[in-house]
Amino acid sequence: MLFLIEYDRNQGEVVTIREYSSTDRQSAETARLDLELELNRRHQKREVVLLEAASEEALRKTHRRYFENLSQLVEAS
């Protein structure tokens, strides 16, 4: 599975998350680029990443910083 994440660093939260099949990598890459261009046009500074994981649950474990706040990250350490 591929996950396209739009993350607002100032707010510390995921704005959008879209899921793609691993076989649909080209569409996911195109969507990532389109999103980055649109955010740039609107002068919005957000992080856009395309990540691969077996499931959203696995993604939430391997990339916790997108889904948990600082105190949650520190507690889990």
PDB file of N, CA and C in Angstrom:
ATOM      1  N   MET A   1       0.837  -1.177   0.000  1.00  0.00           N
ATOM      2  CA  MET A   1       0.000   0.000   0.000  1.00  0.00           C
ATOM      3  C   MET A   1       0.884   1.243   0.000  1.00  0.00           C
ATOM      4  N   LEU A   2       0.414   2.250  -0.693  1.00  0.00           N
ATOM      5  CA  LEU A   2       1.080   3.552  -0.715  1.00  0.00           C
ATOM      6  C   LEU A   2       0.154   4.555  -0.036  1.00  0.00           C
ATOM      7  N   PHE A   3       0.747   5.475   0.703  1.00  0.00           N
ATOM      8  CA  PHE A   3      -0.026   6.468   1.429  1.00  0.00           C
ATOM      9  C   PHE A   3       0.521   7.849   1.111  1.00  0.00           C
ATOM     10  N   LEU A   4      -0.355   8.698   0.602  1.00  0.00           N
ATOM     11  CA  LEU A   4      -0.013  10.075   0.312  1.00  0.00           C
ATOM     12  C   LEU A   4      -0.511  10.916   1.488  1.00  0.00           C
ATOM     13  N   ILE A   5       0.435  11.555   2.161  1.00  0.00           N
ATOM     14  CA  ILE A   5       0.109  12.315   3.367  1.00  0.00           C
ATOM     15  C   ILE A   5       0.424  13.786   3.161  1.00  0.00           C
ATOM     16  N   GLU A   6      -0.538  14.618   3.520  1.00  0.00           N
ATOM     17  CA  GLU A   6      -0.338  16.066   3.584  1.00  0.00           C
ATOM     18  C   GLU A   6      -0.315  16.407   5.067  1.00  0.00           C
ATOM     19  N   TYR A   7       0.797  16.961   5.519  1.00  0.00           N
ATOM     20  CA  TYR A   7       0.999  17.194   6.950  1.00  0.00           C
ATOM     21  C   TYR A   7       1.263  18.669   7.208  1.00  0.00           C
ATOM     22  N   ASP A   8       0.545  19.232   8.156  1.00  0.00           N
ATOM     23  CA  ASP A   8       0.720  20.624   8.557  1.00  0.00           C
ATOM     24  C   ASP A   8       1.644  20.660   9.770  1.00  0.00           C
ATOM     25  N   ARG A   9       2.886  21.058   9.560  1.00  0.00           N
ATOM     26  CA  ARG A   9       3.865  21.079  10.655  1.00  0.00           C
ATOM     27  C   ARG A   9       3.484  22.067  11.747  1.00  0.00           C
ATOM     28  N   ASN A  10       2.940  23.227  11.359  1.00  0.00           N
ATOM     29  CA  ASN A  10       2.577  24.229  12.359  1.00  0.00           C
ATOM     30  C   ASN A  10       1.494  23.727  13.304  1.00  0.00           C
ATOM     31  N   GLN A  11       0.532  23.000  12.761  1.00  0.00           N
ATOM     32  CA  GLN A  11      -0.556  22.452  13.576  1.00  0.00           C
ATOM     33  C   GLN A  11      -0.195  21.087  14.175  1.00  0.00           C
ATOM     34  N   GLY A  12       0.822  20.438  13.602  1.00  0.00           N
ATOM     35  CA  GLY A  12       1.220  19.116  14.083  1.00  0.00           C
ATOM     36  C   GLY A  12       0.174  18.052  13.791  1.00  0.00           C
ATOM     37  N   GLU A  13      -0.451  18.142  12.598  1.00  0.00           N
ATOM     38  CA  GLU A  13      -1.489  17.165  12.289  1.00  0.00           C
ATOM     39  C   GLU A  13      -1.553  16.852  10.800  1.00  0.00           C
ATOM     40  N   VAL A  14      -2.052  15.664  10.523  1.00  0.00           N
ATOM     41  CA  VAL A  14      -2.289  15.231   9.154  1.00  0.00           C
ATOM     42  C   VAL A  14      -3.514  15.972   8.630  1.00  0.00           C
ATOM     43  N   VAL A  15      -3.377  16.598   7.469  1.00  0.00           N
ATOM     44  CA  VAL A  15      -4.498  17.298   6.830  1.00  0.00           C
ATOM     45  C   VAL A  15      -5.282  16.308   5.979  1.00  0.00           C
ATOM     46  N   THR A  16      -4.569  15.545   5.168  1.00  0.00           N
ATOM     47  CA  THR A  16      -5.213  14.508   4.359  1.00  0.00           C
ATOM     48  C   THR A  16      -4.305  13.291   4.287  1.00  0.00           C
ATOM     49  N   ILE A  17      -4.921  12.148   4.126  1.00  0.00           N
ATOM     50  CA  ILE A  17      -4.186  10.909   3.863  1.00  0.00           C
ATOM     51  C   ILE A  17      -4.991  10.136   2.819  1.00  0.00           C
ATOM     52  N   ARG A  18      -4.313   9.757   1.743  1.00  0.00           N
ATOM     53  CA  ARG A  18      -4.960   8.999   0.671  1.00  0.00           C
ATOM     54  C   ARG A  18      -4.184   7.709   0.458  1.00  0.00           C
ATOM     55  N   GLU A  19      -4.911   6.664   0.212  1.00  0.00           N
ATOM     56  CA  GLU A  19      -4.342   5.332   0.073  1.00  0.00           C
ATOM     57  C   GLU A  19      -4.375   4.905  -1.393  1.00  0.00           C
ATOM     58  N   TYR A  20      -3.280   4.281  -1.827  1.00  0.00           N
ATOM     59  CA  TYR A  20      -3.159   3.769  -3.192  1.00  0.00           C
ATOM     60  C   TYR A  20      -2.638   2.340  -3.138  1.00  0.00           C
ATOM     61  N   SER A  21      -3.019   1.567  -4.106  1.00  0.00           N
ATOM     62  CA  SER A  21      -2.483   0.222  -4.255  1.00  0.00           C
ATOM     63  C   SER A  21      -1.006   0.320  -4.638  1.00  0.00           C
ATOM     64  N   SER A  22      -0.222  -0.629  -4.207  1.00  0.00           N
ATOM     65  CA  SER A  22       1.199  -0.642  -4.567  1.00  0.00           C
ATOM     66  C   SER A  22       1.402  -0.736  -6.076  1.00  0.00           C
ATOM     67  N   THR A  23       0.432  -1.290  -6.763  1.00  0.00           N
ATOM     68  CA  THR A  23       0.534  -1.406  -8.217  1.00  0.00           C
ATOM     69  C   THR A  23       0.150  -0.107  -8.927  1.00  0.00           C
ATOM     70  N   ASP A  24      -0.326   0.870  -8.168  1.00  0.00           N
ATOM     71  CA  ASP A  24      -0.771   2.145  -8.738  1.00  0.00           C
ATOM     72  C   ASP A  24       0.208   3.275  -8.381  1.00  0.00           C
ATOM     73  N   ARG A  25       1.487   2.939  -8.368  1.00  0.00           N
ATOM     74  CA  ARG A  25       2.521   3.898  -7.967  1.00  0.00           C
ATOM     75  C   ARG A  25       2.524   5.154  -8.846  1.00  0.00           C
ATOM     76  N   GLN A  26       2.324   4.993 -10.140  1.00  0.00           N
ATOM     77  CA  GLN A  26       2.345   6.153 -11.040  1.00  0.00           C
ATOM     78  C   GLN A  26       1.258   7.154 -10.673  1.00  0.00           C
ATOM     79  N   SER A  27       0.059   6.677 -10.392  1.00  0.00           N
ATOM     80  CA  SER A  27      -1.029   7.572  -9.982  1.00  0.00           C
ATOM     81  C   SER A  27      -0.711   8.259  -8.668  1.00  0.00           C
ATOM     82  N   ALA A  28      -0.120   7.519  -7.750  1.00  0.00           N
ATOM     83  CA  ALA A  28       0.247   8.097  -6.449  1.00  0.00           C
ATOM     84  C   ALA A  28       1.307   9.178  -6.618  1.00  0.00           C
ATOM     85  N   GLU A  29       2.300   8.927  -7.454  1.00  0.00           N
ATOM     86  CA  GLU A  29       3.351   9.915  -7.709  1.00  0.00           C
ATOM     87  C   GLU A  29       2.779  11.171  -8.374  1.00  0.00           C
ATOM     88  N   THR A  30       1.873  10.967  -9.311  1.00  0.00           N
ATOM     89  CA  THR A  30       1.233  12.098  -9.985  1.00  0.00           C
ATOM     90  C   THR A  30       0.407  12.909  -8.990  1.00  0.00           C
ATOM     91  N   ALA A  31      -0.328  12.235  -8.126  1.00  0.00           N
ATOM     92  CA  ALA A  31      -1.135  12.916  -7.109  1.00  0.00           C
ATOM     93  C   ALA A  31      -0.244  13.692  -6.147  1.00  0.00           C
ATOM     94  N   ARG A  32       0.899  13.126  -5.787  1.00  0.00           N
ATOM     95  CA  ARG A  32       1.841  13.821  -4.903  1.00  0.00           C
ATOM     96  C   ARG A  32       2.326  15.107  -5.547  1.00  0.00           C
ATOM     97  N   LEU A  33       2.737  15.025  -6.788  1.00  0.00           N
ATOM     98  CA  LEU A  33       3.214  16.211  -7.495  1.00  0.00           C
ATOM     99  C   LEU A  33       2.110  17.256  -7.648  1.00  0.00           C
ATOM    100  N   ASP A  34       0.919  16.816  -8.016  1.00  0.00           N
ATOM    101  CA  ASP A  34      -0.211  17.742  -8.159  1.00  0.00           C
ATOM    102  C   ASP A  34      -0.509  18.461  -6.843  1.00  0.00           C
ATOM    103  N   LEU A  35      -0.483  17.710  -5.748  1.00  0.00           N
ATOM    104  CA  LEU A  35      -0.737  18.306  -4.436  1.00  0.00           C
ATOM    105  C   LEU A  35       0.339  19.314  -4.074  1.00  0.00           C
ATOM    106  N   GLU A  36       1.601  18.977  -4.296  1.00  0.00           N
ATOM    107  CA  GLU A  36       2.686  19.906  -4.003  1.00  0.00           C
ATOM    108  C   GLU A  36       2.561  21.184  -4.832  1.00  0.00           C
ATOM    109  N   LEU A  37       2.219  21.055  -6.103  1.00  0.00           N
ATOM    110  CA  LEU A  37       2.054  22.227  -6.965  1.00  0.00           C
ATOM    111  C   LEU A  37       0.882  23.093  -6.497  1.00  0.00           C
ATOM    112  N   GLU A  38      -0.225  22.454  -6.129  1.00  0.00           N
ATOM    113  CA  GLU A  38      -1.392  23.199  -5.655  1.00  0.00           C
ATOM    114  C   GLU A  38      -1.083  23.939  -4.346  1.00  0.00           C
ATOM    115  N   LEU A  39      -0.417  23.286  -3.429  1.00  0.00           N
ATOM    116  CA  LEU A  39      -0.053  23.939  -2.168  1.00  0.00           C
ATOM    117  C   LEU A  39       0.890  25.107  -2.425  1.00  0.00           C
ATOM    118  N   ASN A  40       1.806  24.926  -3.343  1.00  0.00           N
ATOM    119  CA  ASN A  40       2.737  25.999  -3.695  1.00  0.00           C
ATOM    120  C   ASN A  40       1.977  27.191  -4.295  1.00  0.00           C
ATOM    121  N   ARG A  41       1.025  26.923  -5.179  1.00  0.00           N
ATOM    122  CA  ARG A  41       0.216  27.997  -5.775  1.00  0.00           C
ATOM    123  C   ARG A  41      -0.547  28.782  -4.707  1.00  0.00           C
ATOM    124  N   ARG A  42      -1.004  28.060  -3.667  1.00  0.00           N
ATOM    125  CA  ARG A  42      -1.766  28.708  -2.593  1.00  0.00           C
ATOM    126  C   ARG A  42      -0.869  29.245  -1.483  1.00  0.00           C
ATOM    127  N   HIS A  43       0.446  29.131  -1.668  1.00  0.00           N
ATOM    128  CA  HIS A  43       1.435  29.601  -0.686  1.00  0.00           C
ATOM    129  C   HIS A  43       1.239  28.955   0.678  1.00  0.00           C
ATOM    130  N   GLN A  44       0.881  27.680   0.674  1.00  0.00           N
ATOM    131  CA  GLN A  44       0.725  26.937   1.920  1.00  0.00           C
ATOM    132  C   GLN A  44       1.954  26.067   2.122  1.00  0.00           C
ATOM    133  N   LYS A  45       2.547  26.191   3.276  1.00  0.00           N
ATOM    134  CA  LYS A  45       3.743  25.412   3.583  1.00  0.00           C
ATOM    135  C   LYS A  45       3.330  24.164   4.358  1.00  0.00           C
ATOM    136  N   ARG A  46       3.236  23.093   3.613  1.00  0.00           N
ATOM    137  CA  ARG A  46       2.895  21.807   4.218  1.00  0.00           C
ATOM    138  C   ARG A  46       3.843  20.746   3.685  1.00  0.00           C
ATOM    139  N   GLU A  47       4.018  19.726   4.476  1.00  0.00           N
ATOM    140  CA  GLU A  47       4.856  18.599   4.084  1.00  0.00           C
ATOM    141  C   GLU A  47       3.989  17.606   3.321  1.00  0.00           C
ATOM    142  N   VAL A  48       4.487  17.146   2.187  1.00  0.00           N
ATOM    143  CA  VAL A  48       3.775  16.152   1.379  1.00  0.00           C
ATOM    144  C   VAL A  48       4.716  14.968   1.199  1.00  0.00           C
ATOM    145  N   VAL A  49       4.265  13.782   1.620  1.00  0.00           N
ATOM    146  CA  VAL A  49       5.104  12.591   1.514  1.00  0.00           C
ATOM    147  C   VAL A  49       4.298  11.439   0.938  1.00  0.00           C
ATOM    148  N   LEU A  50       4.995  10.572   0.246  1.00  0.00           N
ATOM    149  CA  LEU A  50       4.415   9.337  -0.268  1.00  0.00           C
ATOM    150  C   LEU A  50       5.190   8.208   0.395  1.00  0.00           C
ATOM    151  N   LEU A  51       4.501   7.430   1.212  1.00  0.00           N
ATOM    152  CA  LEU A  51       5.140   6.376   1.988  1.00  0.00           C
ATOM    153  C   LEU A  51       4.521   5.024   1.646  1.00  0.00           C
ATOM    154  N   GLU A  52       5.323   3.977   1.798  1.00  0.00           N
ATOM    155  CA  GLU A  52       4.847   2.624   1.533  1.00  0.00           C
ATOM    156  C   GLU A  52       4.850   1.831   2.830  1.00  0.00           C
ATOM    157  N   ALA A  53       3.749   1.109   3.061  1.00  0.00           N
ATOM    158  CA  ALA A  53       3.631   0.268   4.253  1.00  0.00           C
ATOM    159  C   ALA A  53       2.627  -0.842   3.953  1.00  0.00           C
ATOM    160  N   ALA A  54       2.679  -1.894   4.742  1.00  0.00           N
ATOM    161  CA  ALA A  54       1.765  -3.025   4.546  1.00  0.00           C
ATOM    162  C   ALA A  54       0.316  -2.634   4.822  1.00  0.00           C
ATOM    163  N   SER A  55       0.121  -1.678   5.744  1.00  0.00           N
ATOM    164  CA  SER A  55      -1.224  -1.228   6.111  1.00  0.00           C
ATOM    165  C   SER A  55      -1.116   0.138   6.774  1.00  0.00           C
ATOM    166  N   GLU A  56      -2.262   0.789   6.974  1.00  0.00           N
ATOM    167  CA  GLU A  56      -2.234   2.071   7.675  1.00  0.00           C
ATOM    168  C   GLU A  56      -1.785   1.879   9.120  1.00  0.00           C
ATOM    169  N   GLU A  57      -2.165   0.770   9.712  1.00  0.00           N
ATOM    170  CA  GLU A  57      -1.734   0.470  11.082  1.00  0.00           C
ATOM    171  C   GLU A  57      -0.204   0.381  11.156  1.00  0.00           C
ATOM    172  N   ALA A  58       0.406  -0.282  10.195  1.00  0.00           N
ATOM    173  CA  ALA A  58       1.872  -0.383  10.159  1.00  0.00           C
ATOM    174  C   ALA A  58       2.490   0.995   9.939  1.00  0.00           C
ATOM    175  N   LEU A  59       1.890   1.796   9.068  1.00  0.00           N
ATOM    176  CA  LEU A  59       2.374   3.153   8.817  1.00  0.00           C
ATOM    177  C   LEU A  59       2.333   3.986  10.091  1.00  0.00           C
ATOM    178  N   ARG A  60       1.264   3.856  10.862  1.00  0.00           N
ATOM    179  CA  ARG A  60       1.128   4.615  12.109  1.00  0.00           C
ATOM    180  C   ARG A  60       2.191   4.216  13.131  1.00  0.00           C
ATOM    181  N   LYS A  61       2.712   2.999  13.021  1.00  0.00           N
ATOM    182  CA  LYS A  61       3.793   2.561  13.922  1.00  0.00           C
ATOM    183  C   LYS A  61       5.152   3.032  13.436  1.00  0.00           C
ATOM    184  N   THR A  62       5.390   2.956  12.137  1.00  0.00           N
ATOM    185  CA  THR A  62       6.717   3.288  11.606  1.00  0.00           C
ATOM    186  C   THR A  62       6.931   4.783  11.413  1.00  0.00           C
ATOM    187  N   HIS A  63       5.848   5.543  11.283  1.00  0.00           N
ATOM    188  CA  HIS A  63       5.945   6.998  11.065  1.00  0.00           C
ATOM    189  C   HIS A  63       5.049   7.727  12.059  1.00  0.00           C
ATOM    190  N   ARG A  64       5.275   7.430  13.315  1.00  0.00           N
ATOM    191  CA  ARG A  64       4.436   7.941  14.398  1.00  0.00           C
ATOM    192  C   ARG A  64       4.384   9.458  14.450  1.00  0.00           C
ATOM    193  N   ARG A  65       5.438  10.137  14.032  1.00  0.00           N
ATOM    194  CA  ARG A  65       5.471  11.598  14.171  1.00  0.00           C
ATOM    195  C   ARG A  65       4.339  12.285  13.415  1.00  0.00           C
ATOM    196  N   TYR A  66       3.800  11.618  12.393  1.00  0.00           N
ATOM    197  CA  TYR A  66       2.680  12.200  11.659  1.00  0.00           C
ATOM    198  C   TYR A  66       1.349  12.032  12.391  1.00  0.00           C
ATOM    199  N   PHE A  67       1.264  11.104  13.308  1.00  0.00           N
ATOM    200  CA  PHE A  67      -0.010  10.733  13.907  1.00  0.00           C
ATOM    201  C   PHE A  67      -0.106  10.986  15.410  1.00  0.00           C
ATOM    202  N   GLU A  68       1.015  11.290  16.056  1.00  0.00           N
ATOM    203  CA  GLU A  68       1.018  11.506  17.498  1.00  0.00           C
ATOM    204  C   GLU A  68       1.641  12.852  17.814  1.00  0.00           C
ATOM    205  N   ASN A  69       1.191  13.451  18.930  1.00  0.00           N
ATOM    206  CA  ASN A  69       1.797  14.721  19.327  1.00  0.00           C
ATOM    207  C   ASN A  69       3.076  14.449  20.113  1.00  0.00           C
ATOM    208  N   LEU A  70       3.791  15.509  20.424  1.00  0.00           N
ATOM    209  CA  LEU A  70       5.097  15.374  21.065  1.00  0.00           C
ATOM    210  C   LEU A  70       5.014  14.631  22.388  1.00  0.00           C
ATOM    211  N   SER A  71       4.023  14.935  23.210  1.00  0.00           N
ATOM    212  CA  SER A  71       3.937  14.259  24.505  1.00  0.00           C
ATOM    213  C   SER A  71       3.668  12.762  24.332  1.00  0.00           C
ATOM    214  N   GLN A  72       2.874  12.388  23.344  1.00  0.00           N
ATOM    215  CA  GLN A  72       2.628  10.966  23.087  1.00  0.00           C
ATOM    216  C   GLN A  72       3.914  10.273  22.629  1.00  0.00           C
ATOM    217  N   LEU A  73       4.695  10.939  21.799  1.00  0.00           N
ATOM    218  CA  LEU A  73       5.954  10.364  21.327  1.00  0.00           C
ATOM    219  C   LEU A  73       6.923  10.165  22.490  1.00  0.00           C
ATOM    220  N   VAL A  74       7.001  11.137  23.396  1.00  0.00           N
ATOM    221  CA  VAL A  74       7.916  11.054  24.525  1.00  0.00           C
ATOM    222  C   VAL A  74       7.469   9.949  25.489  1.00  0.00           C
ATOM    223  N   GLU A  75       6.179   9.837  25.743  1.00  0.00           N
ATOM    224  CA  GLU A  75       5.648   8.790  26.624  1.00  0.00           C
ATOM    225  C   GLU A  75       5.986   7.408  26.106  1.00  0.00           C
ATOM    226  N   ALA A  76       5.924   7.218  24.815  1.00  0.00           N
ATOM    227  CA  ALA A  76       6.153   5.898  24.221  1.00  0.00           C
ATOM    228  C   ALA A  76       7.621   5.506  24.208  1.00  0.00           C
ATOM    229  N   SER A  77       8.517   6.469  24.403  1.00  0.00           N
ATOM    230  CA  SER A  77       9.955   6.173  24.337  1.00  0.00           C
ATOM    231  C   SER A  77      10.445   5.431  25.548  1.00  0.00           C
TER     232      SER A  77
END
